[in-house]
């Protein structure tokens, strides 16, 4: 009886050690995969203004009647982060606090603007006013404009674009996470439009330079 108990304990300890080794190996593999998998940036549409192009100013009026211009060179020297949202978009509501926190950390050089489709009736306007109040974005410009969405070919939400202070379009695309929105700002700092381009540039720079020998050069 005692021998059987000792043997069972030994077997259990062996299993525990084996499982611990397996967990360690799996953890290491997950870390390696995390390093190899490229970060996901905003999904850029192929239509509409191209990244790097100069944008034209669109004169608009926000929900409270204030005039503002989106596109073109900014007189205040600020870049414009425009987030397209809608009361009918559940993802948008969860993303708004993230956008506020992200842009507020960059408020010395970036302004945040919310945009949505145009409203054709007073009832729709009231819906948007209630939406703004619910999201607590009263302190930010909120514009209703079909022209703005059509200009940048916004077909799905949430959608964001970043226009530099000089009026150039730094980046645009569908955004569902903070990482997506950060990729827009990163593109402005790095000058690289997409994460894919960044990964490609990194892989090219890491390739060993091939040098020909004197014998090869003389042949």
Protein backbone atom coordinates (compact mmCIF):
# COMPACT_ATOMS: atom_id res chain seq x y z
CA UNK A 1 0.00 0.00 0.00
CA UNK A 2 2.79 2.41 1.00
CA UNK A 3 4.83 1.46 -2.07
CA UNK A 4 1.86 2.16 -4.34
CA UNK A 5 1.37 5.60 -2.73
CA UNK A 6 5.06 6.46 -3.19
CA UNK A 7 5.01 5.35 -6.82
CA UNK A 8 1.84 7.39 -7.53
CA UNK A 9 3.43 10.50 -5.97
CA UNK A 10 6.54 10.05 -8.07
CA UNK A 11 4.43 9.69 -11.23
CA UNK A 12 2.43 12.81 -10.32
CA UNK A 13 5.60 14.84 -9.77
CA UNK A 14 6.97 13.67 -13.09
CA UNK A 15 3.73 14.77 -14.78
CA UNK A 16 3.90 18.16 -13.02
CA UNK A 17 7.48 18.71 -14.20
CA UNK A 18 6.59 17.68 -17.76
CA UNK A 19 3.58 20.01 -17.82
CA UNK A 20 5.69 22.88 -16.46
CA UNK A 21 8.23 22.34 -19.22
CA UNK A 22 5.46 22.28 -21.82
CA UNK A 23 3.96 25.54 -20.49
CA UNK A 24 7.39 27.17 -20.56
CA UNK A 25 7.95 26.02 -24.15
CA UNK A 26 4.52 27.28 -25.25
CA UNK A 27 5.10 30.64 -23.54
CA UNK A 28 8.40 31.00 -25.38
CA UNK A 29 6.75 30.18 -28.70
CA UNK A 30 3.99 32.74 -28.09
CA UNK A 31 6.65 35.36 -27.40
CA UNK A 32 8.46 34.49 -30.63
CA UNK A 33 5.21 34.68 -32.62
CA UNK A 34 4.37 38.03 -31.04
CA UNK A 35 7.72 39.41 -32.21
CA UNK A 36 7.29 38.04 -35.72
CA UNK A 37 3.69 39.12 -36.30
CA UNK A 38 3.53 42.69 -37.60
CA UNK A 39 1.34 45.15 -35.69
CA UNK A 40 -1.99 45.96 -37.31
CA UNK A 41 -2.43 49.47 -38.60
CA UNK A 42 -5.56 51.21 -39.83
CA UNK A 43 -7.05 49.53 -42.90
CA UNK A 44 -6.65 52.00 -45.74
CA UNK A 45 -9.22 52.14 -48.55
CA UNK A 46 -7.86 52.27 -52.08
CA UNK A 47 -10.30 54.95 -53.22
CA UNK A 48 -10.39 58.64 -52.41
CA UNK A 49 -7.51 61.07 -51.78
CA UNK A 50 -4.14 59.36 -51.56
CA UNK A 51 -1.87 59.53 -48.54
CA UNK A 52 0.69 62.28 -49.06
CA UNK A 53 -1.56 64.42 -51.25
CA UNK A 54 -2.44 67.97 -50.32
CA UNK A 55 -6.06 68.31 -49.26
CA UNK A 56 -8.41 71.14 -50.09
CA UNK A 57 -10.10 73.08 -47.32
CA UNK A 58 -13.77 72.29 -46.72
CA UNK A 59 -15.60 75.03 -44.86
CA UNK A 60 -18.12 73.59 -42.41
CA UNK A 61 -20.32 74.51 -39.47
CA UNK A 62 -20.36 72.29 -36.41
CA UNK A 63 -23.38 71.20 -34.41
CA UNK A 64 -23.38 74.35 -32.25
CA UNK A 65 -23.01 76.73 -35.20
CA UNK A 66 -19.27 77.43 -35.04
CA UNK A 67 -17.34 77.73 -38.30
CA UNK A 68 -14.35 75.50 -38.94
CA UNK A 69 -12.26 74.32 -41.84
CA UNK A 70 -11.14 70.74 -42.46
CA UNK A 71 -8.30 70.25 -44.92
CA UNK A 72 -5.77 72.65 -46.31
CA UNK A 73 -3.09 74.39 -44.26
CA UNK A 74 -4.17 75.07 -40.68
CA UNK A 75 -3.86 78.66 -39.49
CA UNK A 76 -3.21 77.51 -35.91
CA UNK A 77 -0.42 75.15 -36.96
CA UNK A 78 -2.28 72.06 -35.77
CA UNK A 79 -2.85 68.72 -37.45
CA UNK A 80 -6.48 67.55 -37.64
CA UNK A 81 -7.49 64.10 -36.42
CA UNK A 82 -11.00 63.54 -37.80
CA UNK A 83 -12.98 60.60 -36.43
CA UNK A 84 -16.14 59.65 -38.31
CA UNK A 85 -18.77 58.20 -35.99
CA UNK A 86 -22.52 57.67 -35.90
CA UNK A 87 -25.28 57.05 -33.32
CA UNK A 88 -26.01 53.77 -35.13
CA UNK A 89 -22.41 52.51 -34.79
CA UNK A 90 -21.88 50.53 -31.54
CA UNK A 91 -18.10 50.27 -32.03
CA UNK A 92 -17.84 54.05 -32.37
CA UNK A 93 -19.19 54.64 -28.89
CA UNK A 94 -16.56 52.44 -27.29
CA UNK A 95 -13.79 54.05 -29.35
CA UNK A 96 -14.55 57.70 -28.57
CA UNK A 97 -12.98 57.75 -25.05
CA UNK A 98 -9.83 56.18 -26.51
CA UNK A 99 -9.67 58.82 -29.24
CA UNK A 100 -10.07 61.59 -26.67
CA UNK A 101 -7.30 60.22 -24.45
CA UNK A 102 -4.97 59.65 -27.39
CA UNK A 103 -5.38 63.07 -28.98
CA UNK A 104 -5.38 64.90 -25.64
CA UNK A 105 -1.88 63.56 -25.07
CA UNK A 106 -0.93 65.22 -28.37
CA UNK A 107 -3.06 68.37 -28.00
CA UNK A 108 -0.08 70.67 -28.49
CA UNK A 109 0.02 69.64 -32.14
CA UNK A 110 -3.22 67.80 -32.96
CA UNK A 111 -6.88 68.80 -32.70
CA UNK A 112 -9.70 66.26 -32.53
CA UNK A 113 -12.81 66.64 -34.68
CA UNK A 114 -15.81 64.32 -34.77
CA UNK A 115 -17.81 63.95 -37.96
CA UNK A 116 -20.95 62.19 -39.10
CA UNK A 117 -23.45 62.15 -41.97
CA UNK A 118 -25.59 65.16 -42.68
CA UNK A 119 -28.92 65.48 -40.90
CA UNK A 120 -31.98 66.21 -43.03
CA UNK A 121 -34.48 66.90 -40.27
CA UNK A 122 -34.70 68.51 -36.86
CA UNK A 123 -35.37 65.09 -35.37
CA UNK A 124 -32.03 63.82 -36.68
CA UNK A 125 -30.29 66.90 -35.35
CA UNK A 126 -31.76 66.24 -31.91
CA UNK A 127 -30.53 62.67 -32.16
CA UNK A 128 -26.99 63.85 -32.82
CA UNK A 129 -27.19 66.43 -30.02
CA UNK A 130 -28.22 63.69 -27.60
CA UNK A 131 -25.41 61.51 -28.96
CA UNK A 132 -22.83 64.23 -28.33
CA UNK A 133 -24.12 64.74 -24.80
CA UNK A 134 -24.10 61.00 -24.09
CA UNK A 135 -20.51 60.67 -25.29
CA UNK A 136 -19.45 63.80 -23.38
CA UNK A 137 -17.79 65.35 -26.41
CA UNK A 138 -19.44 68.77 -26.08
CA UNK A 139 -16.01 70.41 -25.96
CA UNK A 140 -15.03 69.04 -29.38
CA UNK A 141 -16.20 70.13 -32.83
CA UNK A 142 -18.87 67.78 -34.18
CA UNK A 143 -19.76 68.29 -37.82
CA UNK A 144 -22.56 66.82 -39.90
CA UNK A 145 -21.50 66.71 -43.52
CA UNK A 146 -22.15 64.31 -46.38
CA UNK A 147 -19.62 66.26 -48.47
CA UNK A 148 -16.80 65.50 -46.02
CA UNK A 149 -17.54 61.79 -46.03
CA UNK A 150 -17.86 61.67 -49.80
CA UNK A 151 -14.62 63.60 -50.30
CA UNK A 152 -12.62 61.03 -48.34
CA UNK A 153 -14.72 58.05 -49.50
CA UNK A 154 -15.88 57.04 -46.03
CA UNK A 155 -17.99 53.91 -46.50
CA UNK A 156 -17.64 52.13 -43.14
CA UNK A 157 -17.33 53.30 -39.54
CA UNK A 158 -15.45 54.06 -37.41
CA UNK A 159 -13.17 55.81 -39.88
CA UNK A 160 -10.38 58.26 -39.15
CA UNK A 161 -8.08 60.52 -41.10
CA UNK A 162 -5.13 62.62 -40.08
CA UNK A 163 -4.42 65.83 -41.97
CA UNK A 164 -1.13 67.58 -41.27
CA UNK A 165 -0.86 71.24 -40.41
CA UNK A 166 0.41 71.85 -43.94
CA UNK A 167 -2.74 70.28 -45.38
CA UNK A 168 -1.21 66.99 -46.50
CA UNK A 169 -3.09 63.77 -45.82
CA UNK A 170 -0.84 61.75 -43.51
CA UNK A 171 -3.07 58.71 -43.13
CA UNK A 172 -6.64 57.43 -43.22
CA UNK A 173 -8.53 54.22 -42.70
CA UNK A 174 -10.90 52.08 -40.67
CA UNK A 175 -10.05 52.15 -36.97
CA UNK A 176 -11.38 49.67 -34.41
CA UNK A 177 -8.70 49.85 -31.71
CA UNK A 178 -6.30 52.27 -30.07
CA UNK A 179 -3.50 50.60 -32.01
CA UNK A 180 -5.20 51.53 -35.28
CA UNK A 181 -5.48 55.17 -34.26
CA UNK A 182 -1.93 55.29 -32.97
CA UNK A 183 -0.75 54.03 -36.36
CA UNK A 184 -2.16 57.20 -37.95
CA UNK A 185 -0.12 59.42 -35.63
CA UNK A 186 2.93 57.21 -36.05
CA UNK A 187 2.70 57.65 -39.81
CA UNK A 188 2.88 61.42 -39.34
CA UNK A 189 6.00 61.11 -37.18
CA UNK A 190 7.78 58.50 -39.27
CA UNK A 191 6.69 59.58 -42.74
CA UNK A 192 5.65 55.99 -43.51
CA UNK A 193 2.02 55.65 -44.53
CA UNK A 194 1.31 52.08 -43.40
CA UNK A 195 2.62 49.54 -40.94
CA UNK A 196 3.22 47.22 -43.89
CA UNK A 197 5.54 49.78 -45.46
CA UNK A 198 7.37 50.14 -42.15
CA UNK A 199 7.87 46.38 -41.84
CA UNK A 200 9.06 46.24 -45.45
CA UNK A 201 11.55 49.05 -44.84
CA UNK A 202 12.82 47.32 -41.70
CA UNK A 203 13.29 44.00 -43.50
CA UNK A 204 15.20 45.71 -46.29
CA UNK A 205 17.51 47.47 -43.86
CA UNK A 206 18.23 44.20 -42.06
CA UNK A 207 19.34 42.37 -45.22
CA UNK A 208 23.15 41.80 -45.28
CA UNK A 209 24.95 43.87 -47.86
CA UNK A 210 26.58 41.71 -50.53
CA UNK A 211 30.14 42.73 -51.29
CA UNK A 212 31.98 41.39 -54.32
CA UNK A 213 35.54 40.20 -53.92
CA UNK A 214 38.46 41.55 -55.95
CA UNK A 215 38.52 38.34 -57.99
CA UNK A 216 34.81 38.71 -58.87
CA UNK A 217 35.31 42.36 -59.82
CA UNK A 218 38.21 41.52 -62.13
CA UNK A 219 36.40 38.68 -63.85
